[in-house]
Amino acid sequence: MGTGEVLLTGATGLLGRALVRHLAADYSVTAVSKSGAGSVVPCDLSEEGSVAALFGSRKLSLAVHAAAWSDVDGCENDPMLAHRVNALGTRHLALECARRRIPLVYISTDYVFDGRKETPYEEKDRTCPVNVYGMTKLEGEHYARLAPRSVVVRTSWLFGAGPSSGFVNAMLGRLKNEDAVQVLDDQVGAPTYAEDLSGAIRRIAAYLLDRGPAAAMPAGGGLFHVCNAGSATRYEMALRMTEWLGLGRVRVEKAVEKSVPGRVAIRPRRSVMSPAHFENFFKERMRPWEESLKDYLNGMAACAR
């Protein structure tokens, strides 16, 4: 096991649960969520005093900030709350990291882009969020820089085992219970398996902890796009799911965003990101999303038996 204690926020979420497993294999992990549960420490990151108390006398070596309010329409309806959680919460965490001179890994999103680029976004591309969620996550990126040797990890279209349904889990239920489903075909992204993303973040954490202050960041700073390779619409994902699950009887039909009731936030039309910079710097390959999704579905099927 490696040395050092890692603070992990958002530990009960989809990504957080996977991160606990990956990080705990090498480090002592202090898992944190807003409400806490069992061994998970409660902390409201939007309250500066709560964050200071969380750090307290703990001898932390690294913080991984995976907590966020990711309800895109919820953020649009309550921008002040979104700012408190996604931006100020990150600021409070980054300032505590700066006081103790420990690095911070901040998990961000493809929604910092406007989706107008036809080729995959690279780290050097200009950000231009089109909704409150993306704006507050971009604010969080700026605040994360207050911590020494900070690393921003942008990811997208997360799926995996967790408490929130997410697209893949929700679609699984629909495909098993409905004869026909309508699925969006006018947004393109890079689907990303939480287990693969967690493995990549574990690699970043090891780099920061094992090398300490000597851990040099690439030119332009510690910013990486980490997602599975390739791209898809959710319609294309649903088609693959019916194929792999043997559910050819289900009719998958194309839909467009404006047909979805209750949506108030604009989504980027094409927010595909390239993981090439991460792959080149860490000499690790992000596998195609199809391979990862198939692995996840096979694992779900094995658990059901």
C-alpha atoms as a PDB file:
ATOM      1  CA  MET A   1       0.000   0.000   0.000  1.00  0.00           C
ATOM      2  CA  GLY A   2       1.196   3.490  -0.813  1.00  0.00           C
ATOM      3  CA  THR A   3       1.809   6.144   1.793  1.00  0.00           C
ATOM      4  CA  GLY A   4      -0.497   9.037   2.498  1.00  0.00           C
ATOM      5  CA  GLU A   5      -4.137   9.676   3.237  1.00  0.00           C
ATOM      6  CA  VAL A   6      -6.464  10.670   0.412  1.00  0.00           C
ATOM      7  CA  LEU A   7      -9.573  12.775   0.980  1.00  0.00           C
ATOM      8  CA  LEU A   8     -12.359  11.848  -1.437  1.00  0.00           C
ATOM      9  CA  THR A   9     -15.510  13.947  -1.777  1.00  0.00           C
ATOM     10  CA  GLY A  10     -18.689  12.682  -3.407  1.00  0.00           C
ATOM     11  CA  ALA A  11     -17.863   9.206  -2.123  1.00  0.00           C
ATOM     12  CA  THR A  12     -21.427   7.862  -2.299  1.00  0.00           C
ATOM     13  CA  GLY A  13     -22.044   8.872  -5.920  1.00  0.00           C
ATOM     14  CA  LEU A  14     -21.592   6.817  -9.072  1.00  0.00           C
ATOM     15  CA  LEU A  15     -17.973   7.871  -9.607  1.00  0.00           C
ATOM     16  CA  GLY A  16     -17.233   8.172  -5.894  1.00  0.00           C
ATOM     17  CA  ARG A  17     -18.068   4.548  -5.146  1.00  0.00           C
ATOM     18  CA  ALA A  18     -15.756   3.352  -7.898  1.00  0.00           C
ATOM     19  CA  LEU A  19     -13.018   5.713  -6.699  1.00  0.00           C
ATOM     20  CA  VAL A  20     -13.230   4.381  -3.149  1.00  0.00           C
ATOM     21  CA  ARG A  21     -12.486   0.886  -4.437  1.00  0.00           C
ATOM     22  CA  HIS A  22      -9.629   1.966  -6.684  1.00  0.00           C
ATOM     23  CA  LEU A  23      -7.928   4.363  -4.272  1.00  0.00           C
ATOM     24  CA  ALA A  24      -8.326   2.142  -1.204  1.00  0.00           C
ATOM     25  CA  ALA A  25      -6.229  -0.521  -2.941  1.00  0.00           C
ATOM     26  CA  ASP A  26      -3.174   1.731  -2.503  1.00  0.00           C
ATOM     27  CA  TYR A  27      -3.982   4.429   0.040  1.00  0.00           C
ATOM     28  CA  SER A  28      -5.851   5.209   3.217  1.00  0.00           C
ATOM     29  CA  VAL A  29      -9.041   6.943   2.066  1.00  0.00           C
ATOM     30  CA  THR A  30     -11.196   9.388   4.010  1.00  0.00           C
ATOM     31  CA  ALA A  31     -14.519   9.159   2.166  1.00  0.00           C
ATOM     32  CA  VAL A  32     -16.810  12.203   2.358  1.00  0.00           C
ATOM     33  CA  SER A  33     -20.363  13.013   1.273  1.00  0.00           C
ATOM     34  CA  LYS A  34     -22.831  15.730   2.220  1.00  0.00           C
ATOM     35  CA  SER A  35     -24.969  13.542   4.479  1.00  0.00           C
ATOM     36  CA  GLY A  36     -22.458  10.817   5.358  1.00  0.00           C
ATOM     37  CA  ALA A  37     -23.315   7.165   5.926  1.00  0.00           C
ATOM     38  CA  GLY A  38     -21.530   4.482   7.902  1.00  0.00           C
ATOM     39  CA  SER A  39     -17.800   5.118   7.524  1.00  0.00           C
ATOM     40  CA  VAL A  40     -18.428   8.036   5.133  1.00  0.00           C
ATOM     41  CA  VAL A  41     -17.759  11.387   6.832  1.00  0.00           C
ATOM     42  CA  PRO A  42     -20.510  14.040   6.470  1.00  0.00           C
ATOM     43  CA  CYS A  43     -19.524  17.500   5.238  1.00  0.00           C
ATOM     44  CA  ASP A  44     -21.337  20.358   3.509  1.00  0.00           C
ATOM     45  CA  LEU A  45     -18.615  21.649   1.199  1.00  0.00           C
ATOM     46  CA  SER A  46     -20.551  24.853   0.525  1.00  0.00           C
ATOM     47  CA  GLU A  47     -19.903  25.867   4.162  1.00  0.00           C
ATOM     48  CA  GLU A  48     -16.327  27.084   4.640  1.00  0.00           C
ATOM     49  CA  GLY A  49     -16.305  26.217   8.337  1.00  0.00           C
ATOM     50  CA  SER A  50     -17.409  22.659   7.637  1.00  0.00           C
ATOM     51  CA  VAL A  51     -14.546  22.172   5.198  1.00  0.00           C
ATOM     52  CA  ALA A  52     -12.013  23.581   7.673  1.00  0.00           C
ATOM     53  CA  ALA A  53     -13.322  21.200  10.338  1.00  0.00           C
ATOM     54  CA  LEU A  54     -13.140  18.305   7.874  1.00  0.00           C
ATOM     55  CA  PHE A  55      -9.439  18.882   7.314  1.00  0.00           C
ATOM     56  CA  GLY A  56      -8.865  19.570  11.024  1.00  0.00           C
ATOM     57  CA  SER A  57      -5.895  17.588  12.323  1.00  0.00           C
ATOM     58  CA  ARG A  58      -5.973  14.995   9.531  1.00  0.00           C
ATOM     59  CA  LYS A  59      -2.607  14.449   7.894  1.00  0.00           C
ATOM     60  CA  LEU A  60      -3.836  14.453   4.316  1.00  0.00           C
ATOM     61  CA  SER A  61      -1.581  14.015   1.301  1.00  0.00           C
ATOM     62  CA  LEU A  62      -4.091  14.551  -1.521  1.00  0.00           C
ATOM     63  CA  ALA A  63      -7.719  15.535  -2.119  1.00  0.00           C
ATOM     64  CA  VAL A  64      -9.889  14.183  -4.942  1.00  0.00           C
ATOM     65  CA  HIS A  65     -12.975  16.339  -5.464  1.00  0.00           C
ATOM     66  CA  ALA A  66     -15.663  14.233  -7.157  1.00  0.00           C
ATOM     67  CA  ALA A  67     -18.653  15.869  -5.440  1.00  0.00           C
ATOM     68  CA  ALA A  68     -20.911  18.050  -7.600  1.00  0.00           C
ATOM     69  CA  TRP A  69     -24.502  18.950  -8.243  1.00  0.00           C
ATOM     70  CA  SER A  70     -24.804  17.392 -11.700  1.00  0.00           C
ATOM     71  CA  ASP A  71     -28.564  17.786 -12.222  1.00  0.00           C
ATOM     72  CA  VAL A  72     -28.278  19.952 -15.337  1.00  0.00           C
ATOM     73  CA  ASP A  73     -31.884  21.172 -15.287  1.00  0.00           C
ATOM     74  CA  GLY A  74     -31.829  21.561 -11.514  1.00  0.00           C
ATOM     75  CA  CYS A  75     -28.796  23.843 -11.824  1.00  0.00           C
ATOM     76  CA  GLU A  76     -30.582  25.888 -14.482  1.00  0.00           C
ATOM     77  CA  ASN A  77     -33.573  26.369 -12.179  1.00  0.00           C
ATOM     78  CA  ASP A  78     -31.456  27.283  -9.125  1.00  0.00           C
ATOM     79  CA  PRO A  79     -28.207  28.924 -10.280  1.00  0.00           C
ATOM     80  CA  MET A  80     -27.385  30.269  -6.809  1.00  0.00           C
ATOM     81  CA  LEU A  81     -27.397  26.789  -5.294  1.00  0.00           C
ATOM     82  CA  ALA A  82     -25.393  25.479  -8.252  1.00  0.00           C
ATOM     83  CA  HIS A  83     -22.812  28.211  -7.660  1.00  0.00           C
ATOM     84  CA  ARG A  84     -22.575  27.406  -3.948  1.00  0.00           C
ATOM     85  CA  VAL A  85     -22.122  23.684  -4.502  1.00  0.00           C
ATOM     86  CA  ASN A  86     -20.048  23.488  -7.677  1.00  0.00           C
ATOM     87  CA  ALA A  87     -18.002  26.688  -7.471  1.00  0.00           C
ATOM     88  CA  LEU A  88     -17.758  27.812  -3.841  1.00  0.00           C
ATOM     89  CA  GLY A  89     -17.505  24.237  -2.562  1.00  0.00           C
ATOM     90  CA  THR A  90     -14.458  23.790  -4.779  1.00  0.00           C
ATOM     91  CA  ARG A  91     -12.999  27.098  -3.618  1.00  0.00           C
ATOM     92  CA  HIS A  92     -13.289  26.103   0.048  1.00  0.00           C
ATOM     93  CA  LEU A  93     -11.633  22.770  -0.642  1.00  0.00           C
ATOM     94  CA  ALA A  94      -8.847  24.294  -2.755  1.00  0.00           C
ATOM     95  CA  LEU A  95      -8.033  26.909  -0.106  1.00  0.00           C
ATOM     96  CA  GLU A  96      -7.655  24.222   2.561  1.00  0.00           C
ATOM     97  CA  CYS A  97      -5.413  22.251   0.209  1.00  0.00           C
ATOM     98  CA  ALA A  98      -3.341  25.395  -0.383  1.00  0.00           C
ATOM     99  CA  ARG A  99      -2.941  25.997   3.354  1.00  0.00           C
ATOM    100  CA  ARG A 100      -1.581  22.478   3.784  1.00  0.00           C
ATOM    101  CA  ARG A 101       0.278  22.494   0.472  1.00  0.00           C
ATOM    102  CA  ILE A 102      -1.345  19.316  -0.800  1.00  0.00           C
ATOM    103  CA  PRO A 103      -2.484  18.721  -4.393  1.00  0.00           C
ATOM    104  CA  LEU A 104      -6.111  18.650  -5.494  1.00  0.00           C
ATOM    105  CA  VAL A 105      -7.632  16.546  -8.278  1.00  0.00           C
ATOM    106  CA  TYR A 106     -10.865  18.181  -9.457  1.00  0.00           C
ATOM    107  CA  ILE A 107     -13.390  16.290 -11.582  1.00  0.00           C
ATOM    108  CA  SER A 108     -14.981  18.497 -14.236  1.00  0.00           C
ATOM    109  CA  THR A 109     -17.152  17.995 -17.295  1.00  0.00           C
ATOM    110  CA  ASP A 110     -17.448  18.171 -21.074  1.00  0.00           C
ATOM    111  CA  TYR A 111     -20.226  20.718 -20.483  1.00  0.00           C
ATOM    112  CA  VAL A 112     -17.620  23.492 -20.204  1.00  0.00           C
ATOM    113  CA  PHE A 113     -17.767  23.472 -24.041  1.00  0.00           C
ATOM    114  CA  ASP A 114     -20.534  24.788 -26.301  1.00  0.00           C
ATOM    115  CA  GLY A 115     -20.595  21.712 -28.548  1.00  0.00           C
ATOM    116  CA  ARG A 116     -19.983  23.528 -31.835  1.00  0.00           C
ATOM    117  CA  LYS A 117     -16.681  21.849 -32.673  1.00  0.00           C
ATOM    118  CA  GLU A 118     -16.950  19.013 -35.185  1.00  0.00           C
ATOM    119  CA  THR A 119     -13.729  17.295 -34.061  1.00  0.00           C
ATOM    120  CA  PRO A 120     -12.969  16.081 -30.501  1.00  0.00           C
ATOM    121  CA  TYR A 121     -12.176  18.805 -27.989  1.00  0.00           C
ATOM    122  CA  GLU A 122      -8.585  19.079 -26.779  1.00  0.00           C
ATOM    123  CA  GLU A 123      -7.357  20.674 -23.571  1.00  0.00           C
ATOM    124  CA  LYS A 124      -6.168  23.761 -25.466  1.00  0.00           C
ATOM    125  CA  ASP A 125      -9.639  24.524 -26.862  1.00  0.00           C
ATOM    126  CA  ARG A 126     -11.578  27.551 -25.648  1.00  0.00           C
ATOM    127  CA  THR A 127     -14.284  26.890 -23.073  1.00  0.00           C
ATOM    128  CA  CYS A 128     -17.756  28.346 -23.581  1.00  0.00           C
ATOM    129  CA  PRO A 129     -20.457  26.685 -21.431  1.00  0.00           C
ATOM    130  CA  VAL A 130     -24.060  27.018 -22.575  1.00  0.00           C
ATOM    131  CA  ASN A 131     -25.789  26.181 -19.290  1.00  0.00           C
ATOM    132  CA  VAL A 132     -25.498  26.968 -15.579  1.00  0.00           C
ATOM    133  CA  TYR A 133     -24.092  23.546 -14.727  1.00  0.00           C
ATOM    134  CA  GLY A 134     -21.207  24.002 -17.177  1.00  0.00           C
ATOM    135  CA  MET A 135     -20.626  27.583 -15.992  1.00  0.00           C
ATOM    136  CA  THR A 136     -20.378  26.594 -12.334  1.00  0.00           C
ATOM    137  CA  LYS A 137     -18.118  23.635 -13.095  1.00  0.00           C
ATOM    138  CA  LEU A 138     -15.838  25.950 -15.077  1.00  0.00           C
ATOM    139  CA  GLU A 139     -15.772  28.307 -12.086  1.00  0.00           C
ATOM    140  CA  GLY A 140     -14.745  25.296 -10.044  1.00  0.00           C
ATOM    141  CA  GLU A 141     -11.858  24.661 -12.442  1.00  0.00           C
ATOM    142  CA  HIS A 142     -10.582  28.189 -11.840  1.00  0.00           C
ATOM    143  CA  TYR A 143     -10.868  27.810  -8.064  1.00  0.00           C
ATOM    144  CA  ALA A 144      -9.121  24.427  -8.148  1.00  0.00           C
ATOM    145  CA  ARG A 145      -6.008  26.242  -9.363  1.00  0.00           C
ATOM    146  CA  LEU A 146      -5.670  27.793  -5.901  1.00  0.00           C
ATOM    147  CA  ALA A 147      -4.273  24.458  -4.708  1.00  0.00           C
ATOM    148  CA  PRO A 148      -0.646  23.559  -5.469  1.00  0.00           C
ATOM    149  CA  ARG A 149      -0.061  21.027  -8.252  1.00  0.00           C
ATOM    150  CA  SER A 150      -3.788  20.872  -8.945  1.00  0.00           C
ATOM    151  CA  VAL A 151      -5.092  18.609 -11.699  1.00  0.00           C
ATOM    152  CA  VAL A 152      -8.402  19.111 -13.504  1.00  0.00           C
ATOM    153  CA  VAL A 153      -9.935  15.979 -15.026  1.00  0.00           C
ATOM    154  CA  ARG A 154     -12.742  16.580 -17.515  1.00  0.00           C
ATOM    155  CA  THR A 155     -14.946  13.603 -18.268  1.00  0.00           C
ATOM    156  CA  SER A 156     -18.276  12.887 -19.946  1.00  0.00           C
ATOM    157  CA  TRP A 157     -21.403  10.727 -20.166  1.00  0.00           C
ATOM    158  CA  LEU A 158     -20.586   8.621 -17.126  1.00  0.00           C
ATOM    159  CA  PHE A 159     -22.123   5.173 -16.637  1.00  0.00           C
ATOM    160  CA  GLY A 160     -21.627   2.361 -14.140  1.00  0.00           C
ATOM    161  CA  ALA A 161     -22.989   0.872 -10.939  1.00  0.00           C
ATOM    162  CA  GLY A 162     -24.264   3.458  -8.499  1.00  0.00           C
ATOM    163  CA  PRO A 163     -27.225   4.991  -6.681  1.00  0.00           C
ATOM    164  CA  SER A 164     -28.287   7.284  -9.525  1.00  0.00           C
ATOM    165  CA  SER A 165     -29.975   5.717 -12.510  1.00  0.00           C
ATOM    166  CA  GLY A 166     -28.030   7.436 -15.288  1.00  0.00           C
ATOM    167  CA  PHE A 167     -28.787   6.813 -18.945  1.00  0.00           C
ATOM    168  CA  VAL A 168     -27.466   3.248 -19.215  1.00  0.00           C
ATOM    169  CA  ASN A 169     -29.188   1.906 -16.110  1.00  0.00           C
ATOM    170  CA  ALA A 170     -32.447   3.669 -16.952  1.00  0.00           C
ATOM    171  CA  MET A 171     -32.296   2.329 -20.512  1.00  0.00           C
ATOM    172  CA  LEU A 172     -31.691  -1.202 -19.207  1.00  0.00           C
ATOM    173  CA  GLY A 173     -34.985  -1.057 -17.349  1.00  0.00           C
ATOM    174  CA  ARG A 174     -36.852   0.329 -20.348  1.00  0.00           C
ATOM    175  CA  LEU A 175     -35.447  -2.206 -22.803  1.00  0.00           C
ATOM    176  CA  LYS A 176     -36.520  -5.062 -20.561  1.00  0.00           C
ATOM    177  CA  ASN A 177     -40.042  -3.738 -19.998  1.00  0.00           C
ATOM    178  CA  GLU A 178     -41.084  -1.889 -23.157  1.00  0.00           C
ATOM    179  CA  ASP A 179     -41.672  -2.899 -26.762  1.00  0.00           C
ATOM    180  CA  ALA A 180     -40.443   0.416 -28.184  1.00  0.00           C
ATOM    181  CA  VAL A 181     -38.237   3.208 -26.841  1.00  0.00           C
ATOM    182  CA  GLN A 182     -37.456   6.671 -28.149  1.00  0.00           C
ATOM    183  CA  VAL A 183     -33.855   7.758 -27.607  1.00  0.00           C
ATOM    184  CA  LEU A 184     -32.072  11.044 -28.348  1.00  0.00           C
ATOM    185  CA  ASP A 185     -30.021  11.075 -31.525  1.00  0.00           C
ATOM    186  CA  ASP A 186     -29.117  14.776 -31.755  1.00  0.00           C
ATOM    187  CA  GLN A 187     -26.365  14.921 -29.109  1.00  0.00           C
ATOM    188  CA  VAL A 188     -22.943  13.293 -29.452  1.00  0.00           C
ATOM    189  CA  GLY A 189     -20.570  12.547 -26.589  1.00  0.00           C
ATOM    190  CA  ALA A 190     -17.925  10.147 -25.330  1.00  0.00           C
ATOM    191  CA  PRO A 191     -19.538   7.550 -23.023  1.00  0.00           C
ATOM    192  CA  THR A 192     -17.248   6.802 -20.073  1.00  0.00           C
ATOM    193  CA  TYR A 193     -17.232   3.845 -17.693  1.00  0.00           C
ATOM    194  CA  ALA A 194     -16.798   4.890 -14.050  1.00  0.00           C
ATOM    195  CA  GLU A 195     -14.378   2.005 -13.461  1.00  0.00           C
ATOM    196  CA  ASP A 196     -12.116   3.113 -16.324  1.00  0.00           C
ATOM    197  CA  LEU A 197     -12.223   6.742 -15.193  1.00  0.00           C
ATOM    198  CA  SER A 198     -11.423   5.709 -11.615  1.00  0.00           C
ATOM    199  CA  GLY A 199      -8.433   3.726 -12.810  1.00  0.00           C
ATOM    200  CA  ALA A 200      -7.153   6.799 -14.641  1.00  0.00           C
ATOM    201  CA  ILE A 201      -7.659   9.028 -11.580  1.00  0.00           C
ATOM    202  CA  ARG A 202      -5.829   6.450  -9.472  1.00  0.00           C
ATOM    203  CA  ARG A 203      -2.927   6.739 -11.925  1.00  0.00           C
ATOM    204  CA  ILE A 204      -2.930  10.530 -11.560  1.00  0.00           C
ATOM    205  CA  ALA A 205      -3.067  10.242  -7.762  1.00  0.00           C
ATOM    206  CA  ALA A 206      -0.119   7.847  -7.761  1.00  0.00           C
ATOM    207  CA  TYR A 207       1.880  10.247  -9.926  1.00  0.00           C
ATOM    208  CA  LEU A 208       1.234  13.148  -7.548  1.00  0.00           C
ATOM    209  CA  LEU A 209       1.812  11.193  -4.337  1.00  0.00           C
ATOM    210  CA  ASP A 210       4.789   9.092  -5.365  1.00  0.00           C
ATOM    211  CA  ARG A 211       6.722  12.006  -6.870  1.00  0.00           C
ATOM    212  CA  GLY A 212       5.631  14.645  -4.380  1.00  0.00           C
ATOM    213  CA  PRO A 213       6.685  18.231  -5.207  1.00  0.00           C
ATOM    214  CA  ALA A 214       8.830  16.824  -8.029  1.00  0.00           C
ATOM    215  CA  ALA A 215       5.688  15.757  -9.923  1.00  0.00           C
ATOM    216  CA  ALA A 216       6.027  18.013 -12.949  1.00  0.00           C
ATOM    217  CA  MET A 217       2.878  18.909 -14.831  1.00  0.00           C
ATOM    218  CA  PRO A 218       2.853  19.091 -18.636  1.00  0.00           C
ATOM    219  CA  ALA A 219       3.088  22.397 -20.478  1.00  0.00           C
ATOM    220  CA  GLY A 220      -0.107  24.324 -19.857  1.00  0.00           C
ATOM    221  CA  GLY A 221      -0.686  22.803 -16.427  1.00  0.00           C
ATOM    222  CA  GLY A 222      -2.496  19.791 -15.059  1.00  0.00           C
ATOM    223  CA  LEU A 223      -5.556  19.524 -17.291  1.00  0.00           C
ATOM    224  CA  PHE A 224      -6.614  16.217 -18.821  1.00  0.00           C
ATOM    225  CA  HIS A 225      -9.603  14.987 -20.791  1.00  0.00           C
ATOM    226  CA  VAL A 226     -10.284  11.463 -19.523  1.00  0.00           C
ATOM    227  CA  CYS A 227     -13.031   9.531 -21.272  1.00  0.00           C
ATOM    228  CA  ASN A 228     -13.429   6.302 -23.152  1.00  0.00           C
ATOM    229  CA  ALA A 229     -12.317   6.460 -26.772  1.00  0.00           C
ATOM    230  CA  GLY A 230     -14.795   7.097 -29.550  1.00  0.00           C
ATOM    231  CA  SER A 231     -18.173   8.807 -29.650  1.00  0.00           C
ATOM    232  CA  ALA A 232     -21.872   8.025 -29.878  1.00  0.00           C
ATOM    233  CA  THR A 233     -25.368   9.381 -29.547  1.00  0.00           C
ATOM    234  CA  ARG A 234     -27.568   7.857 -26.883  1.00  0.00           C
ATOM    235  CA  TYR A 235     -29.598   6.307 -29.691  1.00  0.00           C
ATOM    236  CA  GLU A 236     -26.474   4.503 -30.886  1.00  0.00           C
ATOM    237  CA  MET A 237     -25.744   3.340 -27.344  1.00  0.00           C
ATOM    238  CA  ALA A 238     -29.269   1.944 -27.017  1.00  0.00           C
ATOM    239  CA  LEU A 239     -28.911   0.055 -30.314  1.00  0.00           C
ATOM    240  CA  ARG A 240     -25.701  -1.586 -29.081  1.00  0.00           C
ATOM    241  CA  MET A 241     -27.393  -2.507 -25.813  1.00  0.00           C
ATOM    242  CA  THR A 242     -30.280  -4.270 -27.568  1.00  0.00           C
ATOM    243  CA  GLU A 243     -27.779  -6.147 -29.722  1.00  0.00           C
ATOM    244  CA  TRP A 244     -25.559  -7.291 -26.842  1.00  0.00           C
ATOM    245  CA  LEU A 245     -28.452  -8.151 -24.538  1.00  0.00           C
ATOM    246  CA  GLY A 246     -30.340 -10.108 -27.187  1.00  0.00           C
ATOM    247  CA  LEU A 247     -33.304  -7.730 -27.089  1.00  0.00           C
ATOM    248  CA  GLY A 248     -33.845  -7.381 -30.822  1.00  0.00           C
ATOM    249  CA  ARG A 249     -37.612  -7.460 -30.275  1.00  0.00           C
ATOM    250  CA  VAL A 250     -37.445  -3.915 -28.843  1.00  0.00           C
ATOM    251  CA  ARG A 251     -37.903  -1.166 -31.426  1.00  0.00           C
ATOM    252  CA  VAL A 252     -35.427   1.684 -30.861  1.00  0.00           C
ATOM    253  CA  GLU A 253     -36.608   4.960 -32.398  1.00  0.00           C
ATOM    254  CA  LYS A 254     -34.786   8.263 -32.839  1.00  0.00           C
ATOM    255  CA  ALA A 255     -35.851  11.336 -30.865  1.00  0.00           C
ATOM    256  CA  VAL A 256     -34.598  14.919 -30.527  1.00  0.00           C
ATOM    257  CA  GLU A 257     -33.954  16.968 -27.407  1.00  0.00           C
ATOM    258  CA  LYS A 258     -36.859  19.376 -27.881  1.00  0.00           C
ATOM    259  CA  SER A 259     -39.237  16.412 -27.615  1.00  0.00           C
ATOM    260  CA  VAL A 260     -38.154  15.683 -24.019  1.00  0.00           C
ATOM    261  CA  PRO A 261     -40.572  17.278 -21.514  1.00  0.00           C
ATOM    262  CA  GLY A 262     -39.218  19.188 -18.539  1.00  0.00           C
ATOM    263  CA  ARG A 263     -35.839  20.080 -20.003  1.00  0.00           C
ATOM    264  CA  VAL A 264     -34.915  23.710 -19.400  1.00  0.00           C
ATOM    265  CA  ALA A 265     -31.132  23.719 -19.903  1.00  0.00           C
ATOM    266  CA  ILE A 266     -29.433  23.739 -23.287  1.00  0.00           C
ATOM    267  CA  ARG A 267     -27.056  20.815 -23.838  1.00  0.00           C
ATOM    268  CA  PRO A 268     -23.967  20.937 -26.073  1.00  0.00           C
ATOM    269  CA  ARG A 269     -24.775  19.320 -29.420  1.00  0.00           C
ATOM    270  CA  ARG A 270     -21.379  17.647 -29.750  1.00  0.00           C
ATOM    271  CA  SER A 271     -19.139  17.514 -26.660  1.00  0.00           C
ATOM    272  CA  VAL A 272     -16.788  14.681 -27.632  1.00  0.00           C
ATOM    273  CA  MET A 273     -13.359  15.030 -26.001  1.00  0.00           C
ATOM    274  CA  SER A 274     -10.057  13.436 -26.958  1.00  0.00           C
ATOM    275  CA  PRO A 275      -8.163  11.501 -24.227  1.00  0.00           C
ATOM    276  CA  ALA A 276      -4.925  11.598 -26.284  1.00  0.00           C
ATOM    277  CA  HIS A 277      -3.121  14.043 -23.970  1.00  0.00           C
ATOM    278  CA  PHE A 278      -3.765  11.841 -20.925  1.00  0.00           C
ATOM    279  CA  GLU A 279      -2.763   8.725 -22.862  1.00  0.00           C
ATOM    280  CA  ASN A 280       0.493  10.272 -24.065  1.00  0.00           C
ATOM    281  CA  PHE A 281       1.494  11.738 -20.707  1.00  0.00           C
ATOM    282  CA  PHE A 282       0.722   8.665 -18.597  1.00  0.00           C
ATOM    283  CA  LYS A 283       1.350   6.032 -21.280  1.00  0.00           C
ATOM    284  CA  GLU A 284      -2.070   4.515 -20.678  1.00  0.00           C
ATOM    285  CA  ARG A 285      -4.770   3.704 -23.198  1.00  0.00           C
ATOM    286  CA  MET A 286      -8.423   4.561 -22.716  1.00  0.00           C
ATOM    287  CA  ARG A 287     -10.334   1.718 -24.323  1.00  0.00           C
ATOM    288  CA  PRO A 288     -13.265   2.229 -26.718  1.00  0.00           C
ATOM    289  CA  TRP A 289     -16.607   2.966 -25.072  1.00  0.00           C
ATOM    290  CA  GLU A 290     -18.169  -0.069 -26.776  1.00  0.00           C
ATOM    291  CA  GLU A 291     -15.719  -2.400 -25.031  1.00  0.00           C
ATOM    292  CA  SER A 292     -16.328  -0.773 -21.652  1.00  0.00           C
ATOM    293  CA  LEU A 293     -20.117  -0.734 -21.987  1.00  0.00           C
ATOM    294  CA  LYS A 294     -20.134  -4.373 -23.031  1.00  0.00           C
ATOM    295  CA  ASP A 295     -18.026  -5.272 -19.970  1.00  0.00           C
ATOM    296  CA  TYR A 296     -20.433  -3.396 -17.720  1.00  0.00           C
ATOM    297  CA  LEU A 297     -23.486  -5.104 -19.203  1.00  0.00           C
ATOM    298  CA  ASN A 298     -21.831  -8.526 -18.921  1.00  0.00           C
ATOM    299  CA  GLY A 299     -21.072  -7.814 -15.266  1.00  0.00           C
ATOM    300  CA  MET A 300     -24.669  -6.775 -14.632  1.00  0.00           C
ATOM    301  CA  ALA A 301     -25.914  -9.981 -16.270  1.00  0.00           C
ATOM    302  CA  ALA A 302     -23.545 -12.094 -14.156  1.00  0.00           C
ATOM    303  CA  CYS A 303     -24.796 -10.439 -10.950  1.00  0.00           C
ATOM    304  CA  ALA A 304     -28.407 -11.136 -11.959  1.00  0.00           C
ATOM    305  CA  ARG A 305     -27.795 -14.862 -12.340  1.00  0.00           C
END
